[in-house]
């Protein structure tokens, strides 16, 4: 049940980050047009929040099988072929996300060494990059486990957006 709590925490983080993005954007627009004073650092904070929304959402979407998908072959394939398709796509996606995590981790180390910061607030970039890397690895592991240990289960039918 621990992974359930972890995924729930990621889902909550993504929701809070999305809410913060909306509030910051509304406050910035109102401040800019009504008072002539935008909220300082809005762009940087929204960028950080967007990284949280996307990368914290990946493991949750993977768990729920709610990736956007095209069902071009689904109706034409029998159950064994669908399971094979799910295995191949899951493994390929896991490899791609693991490679992404590896590359972003190396980039985060470089950003940290160089002291890279963004924008007005001079926020360091490397914490967001490390988070993106770690959550890419988490999603890769979830895909790997789901595709290899599905035990003949069908993919969730109602979950995917078609």
N, C-alpha and C. Protein backbone atom coordinates (compact mmCIF):
# COMPACT_ATOMS: atom_id res chain seq x y z
N UNK A 1 0.82 -1.20 0.00
CA UNK A 1 0.00 0.00 0.00
C UNK A 1 0.86 1.26 0.00
N UNK A 2 2.18 1.10 0.24
CA UNK A 2 3.04 2.27 0.26
C UNK A 2 3.06 2.98 -1.09
N UNK A 3 3.10 2.19 -2.18
CA UNK A 3 3.12 2.83 -3.49
C UNK A 3 1.84 3.62 -3.74
N UNK A 4 0.74 3.18 -3.13
CA UNK A 4 -0.51 3.91 -3.25
C UNK A 4 -0.42 5.28 -2.59
N UNK A 5 0.22 5.34 -1.43
CA UNK A 5 0.40 6.61 -0.74
C UNK A 5 1.35 7.53 -1.51
N UNK A 6 2.40 6.92 -2.07
CA UNK A 6 3.36 7.69 -2.85
C UNK A 6 2.67 8.30 -4.09
N UNK A 7 1.90 7.48 -4.79
CA UNK A 7 1.21 7.98 -5.98
C UNK A 7 0.15 9.01 -5.61
N UNK A 8 -0.49 8.81 -4.47
CA UNK A 8 -1.48 9.80 -4.00
C UNK A 8 -0.80 11.13 -3.69
N UNK A 9 0.39 11.06 -3.11
CA UNK A 9 1.16 12.27 -2.82
C UNK A 9 1.56 12.98 -4.12
N UNK A 10 1.97 12.20 -5.13
CA UNK A 10 2.31 12.80 -6.42
C UNK A 10 1.09 13.46 -7.05
N UNK A 11 -0.05 12.77 -6.98
CA UNK A 11 -1.28 13.32 -7.54
C UNK A 11 -1.65 14.62 -6.84
N UNK A 12 -1.52 14.64 -5.53
CA UNK A 12 -1.81 15.84 -4.75
C UNK A 12 -0.85 16.96 -5.12
N UNK A 13 0.44 16.64 -5.25
CA UNK A 13 1.44 17.64 -5.63
C UNK A 13 1.12 18.23 -7.00
N UNK A 14 0.73 17.38 -7.94
CA UNK A 14 0.39 17.87 -9.28
C UNK A 14 -0.83 18.78 -9.22
N UNK A 15 -1.83 18.40 -8.44
CA UNK A 15 -3.05 19.23 -8.32
C UNK A 15 -2.73 20.57 -7.67
N UNK A 16 -1.93 20.55 -6.61
CA UNK A 16 -1.57 21.80 -5.94
C UNK A 16 -0.74 22.70 -6.86
N UNK A 17 0.17 22.10 -7.61
CA UNK A 17 0.99 22.89 -8.53
C UNK A 17 0.13 23.51 -9.63
N UNK A 18 -0.84 22.75 -10.13
CA UNK A 18 -1.74 23.28 -11.15
C UNK A 18 -2.58 24.42 -10.59
N UNK A 19 -3.08 24.25 -9.37
CA UNK A 19 -3.83 25.33 -8.72
C UNK A 19 -2.98 26.57 -8.52
N UNK A 20 -1.71 26.36 -8.11
CA UNK A 20 -0.80 27.50 -7.93
C UNK A 20 -0.55 28.21 -9.24
N UNK A 21 -0.41 27.43 -10.33
CA UNK A 21 -0.21 28.05 -11.65
C UNK A 21 -1.40 28.94 -12.00
N UNK A 22 -2.60 28.43 -11.76
CA UNK A 22 -3.79 29.21 -12.10
C UNK A 22 -3.87 30.47 -11.26
N UNK A 23 -3.66 30.35 -9.95
CA UNK A 23 -3.74 31.51 -9.07
C UNK A 23 -2.67 32.55 -9.40
N UNK A 24 -1.45 32.09 -9.64
CA UNK A 24 -0.38 33.02 -9.99
C UNK A 24 -0.68 33.74 -11.31
N UNK A 25 -1.17 33.01 -12.27
CA UNK A 25 -1.47 33.62 -13.57
C UNK A 25 -2.59 34.65 -13.45
N UNK A 26 -3.64 34.31 -12.71
CA UNK A 26 -4.75 35.26 -12.51
C UNK A 26 -4.25 36.49 -11.77
N UNK A 27 -3.48 36.28 -10.70
CA UNK A 27 -2.95 37.41 -9.93
C UNK A 27 -2.04 38.27 -10.79
N UNK A 28 -1.23 37.63 -11.63
CA UNK A 28 -0.31 38.39 -12.49
C UNK A 28 -1.08 39.22 -13.51
N UNK A 29 -2.08 38.62 -14.13
CA UNK A 29 -2.87 39.35 -15.14
C UNK A 29 -3.63 40.49 -14.48
N UNK A 30 -4.27 40.21 -13.33
CA UNK A 30 -5.01 41.28 -12.64
C UNK A 30 -4.06 42.39 -12.19
N UNK A 31 -2.92 42.01 -11.64
CA UNK A 31 -1.95 43.01 -11.21
C UNK A 31 -1.42 43.83 -12.36
N UNK A 32 -1.18 43.17 -13.46
CA UNK A 32 -0.63 43.84 -14.64
C UNK A 32 -1.63 44.83 -15.23
N UNK A 33 -2.91 44.42 -15.33
CA UNK A 33 -3.90 45.26 -16.00
C UNK A 33 -4.63 46.21 -15.07
N UNK A 34 -4.88 45.78 -13.84
CA UNK A 34 -5.64 46.64 -12.92
C UNK A 34 -4.74 47.60 -12.15
N UNK A 35 -3.54 47.13 -11.78
CA UNK A 35 -2.67 47.95 -10.95
C UNK A 35 -1.41 48.42 -11.67
N UNK A 36 -1.19 47.87 -12.86
CA UNK A 36 0.02 48.22 -13.58
C UNK A 36 1.27 47.58 -12.99
N UNK A 37 1.09 46.58 -12.13
CA UNK A 37 2.23 45.92 -11.47
C UNK A 37 2.03 44.40 -11.52
N UNK A 38 2.75 43.72 -12.38
CA UNK A 38 2.65 42.26 -12.42
C UNK A 38 3.27 41.64 -11.16
N UNK A 39 2.96 40.39 -10.91
CA UNK A 39 3.55 39.66 -9.78
C UNK A 39 4.98 39.27 -10.18
N UNK A 40 5.98 39.75 -9.45
CA UNK A 40 7.37 39.43 -9.81
C UNK A 40 7.63 37.92 -9.73
N UNK A 41 8.31 37.40 -10.74
CA UNK A 41 8.70 36.00 -10.73
C UNK A 41 7.63 35.01 -11.15
N UNK A 42 6.51 35.51 -11.66
CA UNK A 42 5.42 34.60 -12.05
C UNK A 42 5.88 33.58 -13.08
N UNK A 43 6.61 34.03 -14.08
CA UNK A 43 7.05 33.13 -15.15
C UNK A 43 7.87 31.97 -14.58
N UNK A 44 8.83 32.28 -13.71
CA UNK A 44 9.69 31.25 -13.13
C UNK A 44 8.89 30.28 -12.27
N UNK A 45 8.00 30.82 -11.46
CA UNK A 45 7.21 29.96 -10.57
C UNK A 45 6.26 29.06 -11.36
N UNK A 46 5.69 29.60 -12.44
CA UNK A 46 4.81 28.80 -13.29
C UNK A 46 5.62 27.71 -13.99
N UNK A 47 6.85 28.02 -14.41
CA UNK A 47 7.70 27.01 -15.03
C UNK A 47 8.01 25.87 -14.06
N UNK A 48 8.34 26.19 -12.83
CA UNK A 48 8.58 25.16 -11.82
C UNK A 48 7.31 24.34 -11.58
N UNK A 49 6.18 25.01 -11.45
CA UNK A 49 4.92 24.31 -11.22
C UNK A 49 4.57 23.40 -12.39
N UNK A 50 4.85 23.84 -13.60
CA UNK A 50 4.57 23.02 -14.77
C UNK A 50 5.40 21.73 -14.76
N UNK A 51 6.64 21.83 -14.36
CA UNK A 51 7.49 20.63 -14.24
C UNK A 51 6.88 19.66 -13.23
N UNK A 52 6.36 20.17 -12.14
CA UNK A 52 5.73 19.32 -11.13
C UNK A 52 4.46 18.69 -11.69
N UNK A 53 3.63 19.48 -12.35
CA UNK A 53 2.38 18.94 -12.91
C UNK A 53 2.67 17.80 -13.88
N UNK A 54 3.58 18.03 -14.81
CA UNK A 54 3.85 17.03 -15.84
C UNK A 54 4.52 15.79 -15.26
N UNK A 55 5.59 15.98 -14.51
CA UNK A 55 6.38 14.82 -14.09
C UNK A 55 5.80 14.12 -12.87
N UNK A 56 5.08 14.81 -12.01
CA UNK A 56 4.38 14.11 -10.92
C UNK A 56 3.16 13.39 -11.46
N UNK A 57 2.61 13.91 -12.55
CA UNK A 57 1.44 13.27 -13.15
C UNK A 57 1.77 12.01 -13.93
N UNK A 58 3.00 11.89 -14.44
CA UNK A 58 3.36 10.72 -15.26
C UNK A 58 3.16 9.38 -14.55
N UNK A 59 3.68 9.19 -13.34
CA UNK A 59 3.45 7.90 -12.68
C UNK A 59 1.98 7.63 -12.39
N UNK A 60 1.23 8.68 -12.08
CA UNK A 60 -0.20 8.53 -11.77
C UNK A 60 -0.96 8.12 -13.03
N UNK A 61 -0.68 8.78 -14.14
CA UNK A 61 -1.33 8.44 -15.40
C UNK A 61 -0.96 7.01 -15.82
N UNK A 62 0.29 6.65 -15.59
CA UNK A 62 0.74 5.30 -15.92
C UNK A 62 0.00 4.26 -15.09
N UNK A 63 -0.13 4.51 -13.79
CA UNK A 63 -0.85 3.59 -12.92
C UNK A 63 -2.28 3.39 -13.38
N UNK A 64 -2.92 4.47 -13.78
CA UNK A 64 -4.32 4.42 -14.17
C UNK A 64 -4.54 4.01 -15.62
N UNK A 65 -3.45 3.88 -16.40
CA UNK A 65 -3.59 3.53 -17.80
C UNK A 65 -4.33 4.59 -18.58
N UNK A 66 -4.11 5.86 -18.28
CA UNK A 66 -4.87 6.94 -18.89
C UNK A 66 -4.05 7.77 -19.88
N UNK A 67 -3.02 7.16 -20.46
CA UNK A 67 -2.26 7.85 -21.50
C UNK A 67 -3.15 8.05 -22.72
N UNK A 68 -2.87 9.07 -23.45
CA UNK A 68 -3.56 9.26 -24.72
C UNK A 68 -3.08 8.16 -25.65
N UNK A 69 -4.02 7.48 -26.28
CA UNK A 69 -3.63 6.38 -27.15
C UNK A 69 -4.53 6.35 -28.38
N UNK A 70 -4.01 5.72 -29.40
CA UNK A 70 -4.78 5.51 -30.62
C UNK A 70 -5.10 4.03 -30.69
N UNK A 71 -6.34 3.71 -30.94
CA UNK A 71 -6.75 2.31 -30.98
C UNK A 71 -6.92 1.83 -32.41
N UNK A 72 -5.92 2.09 -33.24
CA UNK A 72 -5.99 1.70 -34.64
C UNK A 72 -5.99 0.18 -34.81
N UNK A 73 -5.23 -0.51 -33.97
CA UNK A 73 -5.11 -1.96 -34.11
C UNK A 73 -5.91 -2.73 -33.08
N UNK A 74 -6.33 -2.07 -32.03
CA UNK A 74 -6.94 -2.75 -30.89
C UNK A 74 -8.07 -3.69 -31.27
N UNK A 75 -8.96 -3.25 -32.12
CA UNK A 75 -10.10 -4.07 -32.50
C UNK A 75 -9.73 -5.20 -33.45
N UNK A 76 -8.60 -5.08 -34.10
CA UNK A 76 -8.18 -6.08 -35.08
C UNK A 76 -7.29 -7.17 -34.47
N UNK A 77 -6.81 -6.93 -33.26
CA UNK A 77 -5.90 -7.88 -32.62
C UNK A 77 -6.64 -8.78 -31.64
N UNK A 78 -6.23 -10.01 -31.59
CA UNK A 78 -6.77 -10.91 -30.58
C UNK A 78 -6.13 -10.63 -29.23
N UNK A 79 -6.61 -11.30 -28.21
CA UNK A 79 -6.10 -11.07 -26.85
C UNK A 79 -4.60 -11.32 -26.73
N UNK A 80 -4.07 -12.42 -27.26
CA UNK A 80 -2.62 -12.64 -27.14
C UNK A 80 -1.80 -11.53 -27.83
N UNK A 81 -2.25 -11.08 -28.99
CA UNK A 81 -1.54 -10.02 -29.71
C UNK A 81 -1.63 -8.69 -28.95
N UNK A 82 -2.75 -8.42 -28.33
CA UNK A 82 -2.90 -7.20 -27.52
C UNK A 82 -1.95 -7.23 -26.33
N UNK A 83 -1.82 -8.42 -25.70
CA UNK A 83 -0.89 -8.54 -24.57
C UNK A 83 0.55 -8.32 -25.04
N UNK A 84 0.89 -8.88 -26.21
CA UNK A 84 2.23 -8.69 -26.76
C UNK A 84 2.46 -7.22 -27.10
N UNK A 85 1.46 -6.59 -27.70
CA UNK A 85 1.56 -5.17 -28.02
C UNK A 85 1.78 -4.36 -26.74
N UNK A 86 1.04 -4.67 -25.71
CA UNK A 86 1.17 -3.96 -24.44
C UNK A 86 2.57 -4.16 -23.86
N UNK A 87 3.08 -5.38 -23.95
CA UNK A 87 4.42 -5.68 -23.44
C UNK A 87 5.48 -4.88 -24.21
N UNK A 88 5.42 -4.92 -25.53
CA UNK A 88 6.42 -4.24 -26.35
C UNK A 88 6.35 -2.73 -26.14
N UNK A 89 5.16 -2.17 -26.17
CA UNK A 89 5.02 -0.72 -25.97
C UNK A 89 5.43 -0.30 -24.56
N UNK A 90 5.08 -1.10 -23.57
CA UNK A 90 5.46 -0.80 -22.19
C UNK A 90 6.96 -0.83 -22.00
N UNK A 91 7.61 -1.84 -22.56
CA UNK A 91 9.06 -1.95 -22.44
C UNK A 91 9.77 -0.82 -23.20
N UNK A 92 9.29 -0.53 -24.40
CA UNK A 92 9.89 0.57 -25.18
C UNK A 92 9.71 1.90 -24.45
N UNK A 93 8.54 2.13 -23.90
CA UNK A 93 8.30 3.37 -23.15
C UNK A 93 9.18 3.45 -21.91
N UNK A 94 9.35 2.32 -21.23
CA UNK A 94 10.20 2.28 -20.04
C UNK A 94 11.65 2.62 -20.40
N UNK A 95 12.13 2.06 -21.49
CA UNK A 95 13.51 2.34 -21.93
C UNK A 95 13.67 3.82 -22.27
N UNK A 96 12.70 4.38 -22.98
CA UNK A 96 12.77 5.80 -23.37
C UNK A 96 12.75 6.69 -22.13
N UNK A 97 11.86 6.39 -21.18
CA UNK A 97 11.79 7.22 -19.96
C UNK A 97 13.04 7.06 -19.10
N UNK A 98 13.60 5.85 -19.05
CA UNK A 98 14.84 5.65 -18.29
C UNK A 98 15.99 6.43 -18.94
N UNK A 99 16.05 6.42 -20.27
CA UNK A 99 17.08 7.20 -20.97
C UNK A 99 16.87 8.69 -20.71
N UNK A 100 15.64 9.12 -20.75
CA UNK A 100 15.34 10.52 -20.45
C UNK A 100 15.78 10.87 -19.04
N UNK A 101 15.45 10.01 -18.08
CA UNK A 101 15.85 10.25 -16.70
C UNK A 101 17.36 10.35 -16.56
N UNK A 102 18.08 9.47 -17.26
CA UNK A 102 19.54 9.47 -17.20
C UNK A 102 20.11 10.77 -17.78
N UNK A 103 19.60 11.18 -18.92
CA UNK A 103 20.08 12.40 -19.57
C UNK A 103 19.77 13.63 -18.72
N UNK A 104 18.55 13.70 -18.21
CA UNK A 104 18.16 14.86 -17.39
C UNK A 104 18.95 14.88 -16.08
N UNK A 105 19.25 13.71 -15.51
CA UNK A 105 20.06 13.66 -14.30
C UNK A 105 21.45 14.24 -14.56
N UNK A 106 22.06 13.85 -15.68
CA UNK A 106 23.37 14.40 -16.04
C UNK A 106 23.31 15.91 -16.25
N UNK A 107 22.24 16.35 -16.88
CA UNK A 107 22.05 17.79 -17.09
C UNK A 107 21.86 18.51 -15.76
N UNK A 108 21.13 17.90 -14.84
CA UNK A 108 20.93 18.51 -13.52
C UNK A 108 22.26 18.65 -12.78
N UNK A 109 23.11 17.64 -12.90
CA UNK A 109 24.43 17.73 -12.25
C UNK A 109 25.24 18.88 -12.83
N UNK A 110 25.18 19.03 -14.16
CA UNK A 110 25.89 20.13 -14.82
C UNK A 110 25.32 21.47 -14.39
N UNK A 111 23.99 21.57 -14.33
CA UNK A 111 23.34 22.82 -13.90
C UNK A 111 23.75 23.19 -12.47
N UNK A 112 23.81 22.18 -11.63
CA UNK A 112 24.21 22.41 -10.23
C UNK A 112 25.65 22.89 -10.16
N UNK A 113 26.54 22.25 -10.91
CA UNK A 113 27.96 22.62 -10.89
C UNK A 113 28.17 24.05 -11.41
N UNK A 114 27.36 24.43 -12.41
CA UNK A 114 27.50 25.76 -13.00
C UNK A 114 26.73 26.84 -12.24
N UNK A 115 25.87 26.41 -11.32
CA UNK A 115 25.07 27.37 -10.58
C UNK A 115 23.99 28.02 -11.41
N UNK A 116 23.43 27.29 -12.37
CA UNK A 116 22.40 27.84 -13.25
C UNK A 116 21.17 28.28 -12.45
N UNK A 117 20.65 29.45 -12.81
CA UNK A 117 19.44 29.99 -12.20
C UNK A 117 18.53 30.49 -13.31
N UNK A 118 17.24 30.67 -12.97
CA UNK A 118 16.32 31.21 -13.97
C UNK A 118 15.74 32.53 -13.47
N UNK A 119 15.61 33.44 -14.40
CA UNK A 119 14.83 34.64 -14.30
C UNK A 119 15.03 35.57 -13.13
N UNK A 120 13.97 36.29 -12.90
CA UNK A 120 13.92 37.38 -11.94
C UNK A 120 14.25 36.94 -10.52
N UNK A 121 13.77 35.78 -10.13
CA UNK A 121 13.94 35.30 -8.75
C UNK A 121 15.28 34.59 -8.53
N UNK A 122 16.03 34.39 -9.59
CA UNK A 122 17.30 33.66 -9.51
C UNK A 122 17.15 32.30 -8.84
N UNK A 123 16.10 31.59 -9.20
CA UNK A 123 15.88 30.26 -8.65
C UNK A 123 16.84 29.27 -9.29
N UNK A 124 17.45 28.40 -8.48
CA UNK A 124 18.32 27.38 -9.08
C UNK A 124 17.48 26.41 -9.92
N UNK A 125 18.05 25.99 -11.04
CA UNK A 125 17.34 25.13 -11.97
C UNK A 125 17.49 23.65 -11.61
N UNK A 126 18.61 23.30 -11.01
CA UNK A 126 18.89 21.87 -10.81
C UNK A 126 17.88 21.12 -9.94
N UNK A 127 17.23 21.70 -8.92
CA UNK A 127 16.24 20.90 -8.18
C UNK A 127 15.09 20.41 -9.06
N UNK A 128 14.62 21.27 -9.95
CA UNK A 128 13.54 20.85 -10.85
C UNK A 128 14.03 19.76 -11.79
N UNK A 129 15.25 19.88 -12.28
CA UNK A 129 15.80 18.87 -13.18
C UNK A 129 15.98 17.54 -12.45
N UNK A 130 16.45 17.56 -11.22
CA UNK A 130 16.57 16.32 -10.44
C UNK A 130 15.20 15.68 -10.24
N UNK A 131 14.20 16.50 -9.92
CA UNK A 131 12.84 15.99 -9.73
C UNK A 131 12.34 15.34 -11.02
N UNK A 132 12.55 16.01 -12.14
CA UNK A 132 12.12 15.46 -13.43
C UNK A 132 12.82 14.14 -13.71
N UNK A 133 14.10 14.06 -13.40
CA UNK A 133 14.86 12.84 -13.61
C UNK A 133 14.33 11.70 -12.75
N UNK A 134 14.17 11.96 -11.47
CA UNK A 134 13.70 10.92 -10.54
C UNK A 134 12.31 10.42 -10.94
N UNK A 135 11.41 11.33 -11.28
CA UNK A 135 10.06 10.92 -11.63
C UNK A 135 10.02 10.22 -13.00
N UNK A 136 10.97 10.52 -13.87
CA UNK A 136 11.08 9.75 -15.12
C UNK A 136 11.48 8.31 -14.80
N UNK A 137 12.43 8.13 -13.87
CA UNK A 137 12.83 6.78 -13.46
C UNK A 137 11.68 6.04 -12.78
N UNK A 138 10.93 6.74 -11.94
CA UNK A 138 9.78 6.12 -11.27
C UNK A 138 8.76 5.65 -12.31
N UNK A 139 8.48 6.48 -13.29
CA UNK A 139 7.52 6.11 -14.32
C UNK A 139 8.05 4.95 -15.16
N UNK A 140 9.35 4.97 -15.47
CA UNK A 140 9.95 3.86 -16.22
C UNK A 140 9.80 2.56 -15.44
N UNK A 141 10.05 2.61 -14.14
CA UNK A 141 9.92 1.40 -13.31
C UNK A 141 8.47 0.93 -13.29
N UNK A 142 7.53 1.86 -13.18
CA UNK A 142 6.12 1.48 -13.17
C UNK A 142 5.72 0.82 -14.50
N UNK A 143 6.19 1.38 -15.60
CA UNK A 143 5.90 0.79 -16.91
C UNK A 143 6.53 -0.59 -17.04
N UNK A 144 7.75 -0.72 -16.58
CA UNK A 144 8.44 -2.00 -16.65
C UNK A 144 7.71 -3.06 -15.84
N UNK A 145 7.34 -2.71 -14.62
CA UNK A 145 6.61 -3.66 -13.78
C UNK A 145 5.25 -4.00 -14.36
N UNK A 146 4.55 -2.99 -14.81
CA UNK A 146 3.21 -3.23 -15.35
C UNK A 146 3.24 -4.07 -16.61
N UNK A 147 4.19 -3.79 -17.49
CA UNK A 147 4.21 -4.52 -18.76
C UNK A 147 4.76 -5.94 -18.62
N UNK A 148 5.65 -6.18 -17.67
CA UNK A 148 6.23 -7.51 -17.54
C UNK A 148 5.49 -8.40 -16.56
N UNK A 149 4.83 -7.81 -15.60
CA UNK A 149 4.14 -8.62 -14.59
C UNK A 149 2.62 -8.45 -14.65
N UNK A 150 2.11 -8.17 -15.83
CA UNK A 150 0.66 -7.97 -15.98
C UNK A 150 -0.10 -9.29 -15.85
N UNK A 151 0.62 -10.43 -15.92
CA UNK A 151 0.01 -11.75 -15.75
C UNK A 151 -1.20 -11.96 -16.65
N UNK A 152 -1.08 -11.52 -17.88
CA UNK A 152 -2.17 -11.75 -18.83
C UNK A 152 -3.34 -10.81 -18.70
N UNK A 153 -3.24 -9.84 -17.80
CA UNK A 153 -4.34 -8.87 -17.68
C UNK A 153 -4.46 -8.04 -18.93
N UNK A 154 -5.65 -7.67 -19.24
CA UNK A 154 -5.87 -6.73 -20.34
C UNK A 154 -5.56 -5.33 -19.82
N UNK A 155 -5.23 -4.46 -20.73
CA UNK A 155 -5.02 -3.06 -20.37
C UNK A 155 -6.36 -2.49 -19.92
N UNK A 156 -6.33 -1.51 -19.01
CA UNK A 156 -7.59 -0.90 -18.59
C UNK A 156 -8.35 -0.38 -19.79
N UNK A 157 -9.60 -0.78 -19.92
CA UNK A 157 -10.35 -0.46 -21.13
C UNK A 157 -10.93 0.94 -21.10
N UNK A 158 -11.43 1.38 -19.99
CA UNK A 158 -12.10 2.68 -19.95
C UNK A 158 -11.17 3.82 -19.66
N UNK A 159 -9.89 3.53 -19.36
CA UNK A 159 -9.01 4.56 -18.87
C UNK A 159 -8.39 5.44 -19.93
N UNK A 160 -8.00 4.87 -21.04
CA UNK A 160 -7.26 5.62 -22.01
C UNK A 160 -8.15 6.60 -22.76
N UNK A 161 -7.62 7.75 -23.00
CA UNK A 161 -8.32 8.73 -23.83
C UNK A 161 -8.02 8.37 -25.28
N UNK A 162 -9.03 8.22 -26.07
CA UNK A 162 -8.82 7.79 -27.46
C UNK A 162 -9.05 8.93 -28.41
